[in-house]
Protein backbone atom coordinates (compact mmCIF):
# COMPACT_ATOMS: atom_id res chain seq x y z
CA MET A 1 -19.98 2.72 -64.41
CA VAL A 2 -16.18 1.90 -64.84
CA LEU A 3 -13.83 4.75 -65.68
CA GLN A 4 -10.44 3.52 -67.10
CA VAL A 5 -8.32 6.17 -65.44
CA GLY A 6 -5.03 4.37 -66.10
CA ALA A 7 -5.62 4.94 -69.86
CA TYR A 8 -5.88 8.62 -69.13
CA PHE A 9 -2.67 8.87 -67.05
CA ASP A 10 -0.37 6.49 -69.01
CA PRO A 11 0.13 8.80 -71.96
CA GLN A 12 1.21 11.49 -69.52
CA GLY A 13 4.00 9.26 -68.09
CA LEU A 14 2.17 8.62 -64.87
CA ASN A 15 2.14 4.97 -64.34
CA SER A 16 2.74 2.53 -61.45
CA ALA A 17 6.50 3.01 -61.69
CA THR A 18 6.09 6.77 -61.06
CA GLY A 19 3.67 6.30 -58.30
CA ARG A 20 0.22 6.14 -59.81
CA ASN A 21 -1.89 3.51 -58.15
CA LEU A 22 -5.32 3.80 -59.81
CA THR A 23 -6.10 1.93 -63.04
CA GLU A 24 -9.89 2.12 -62.85
CA VAL A 25 -12.60 3.62 -60.79
CA VAL A 26 -15.92 1.76 -60.38
CA MET A 27 -18.99 3.77 -59.42
CA ARG A 28 -22.24 2.20 -58.38
CA PHE A 29 -25.20 4.43 -57.85
CA LYS A 30 -28.99 4.58 -57.72
CA MET A 31 -31.17 7.03 -59.62
CA PRO A 32 -34.42 7.26 -57.58
CA ASP A 33 -36.18 9.23 -60.27
CA VAL A 34 -35.63 7.59 -63.57
CA THR A 35 -36.96 10.60 -65.41
CA GLY A 36 -34.79 13.10 -63.43
CA ARG A 37 -31.57 14.66 -64.41
CA TYR A 38 -28.44 14.02 -62.38
CA HIS A 39 -24.99 15.51 -62.30
CA MET A 40 -21.94 13.59 -61.06
CA PRO A 41 -18.87 15.75 -60.70
CA PHE A 42 -15.71 13.69 -60.77
CA MET A 43 -12.30 14.95 -59.65
CA LEU A 44 -9.23 12.81 -60.36
CA ALA A 45 -5.64 12.75 -59.13
CA PRO A 46 -2.96 10.09 -59.80
CA ASN A 47 -3.65 8.42 -56.43
CA SER A 48 -7.21 9.53 -55.47
CA TYR A 49 -10.52 10.61 -56.73
CA SER A 50 -13.70 12.28 -55.42
CA VAL A 51 -17.19 11.95 -56.83
CA TRP A 52 -20.51 13.13 -55.65
CA MET A 53 -24.06 13.21 -57.04
CA ALA A 54 -26.33 16.17 -57.34
CA ARG A 55 -29.79 16.42 -58.60
């Protein structure tokens, strides 16, 4: 999954000139149970992110 985080921050005036470094976040993950339900919380800041997976 690729999240275009630059497109989120640019309208807010946060771009590479103002110190934002992220343009996209790529997440690769496995879903061991294809019939299961998964939750992937994603927290984003201009220069970092955190993601984890819960079932």
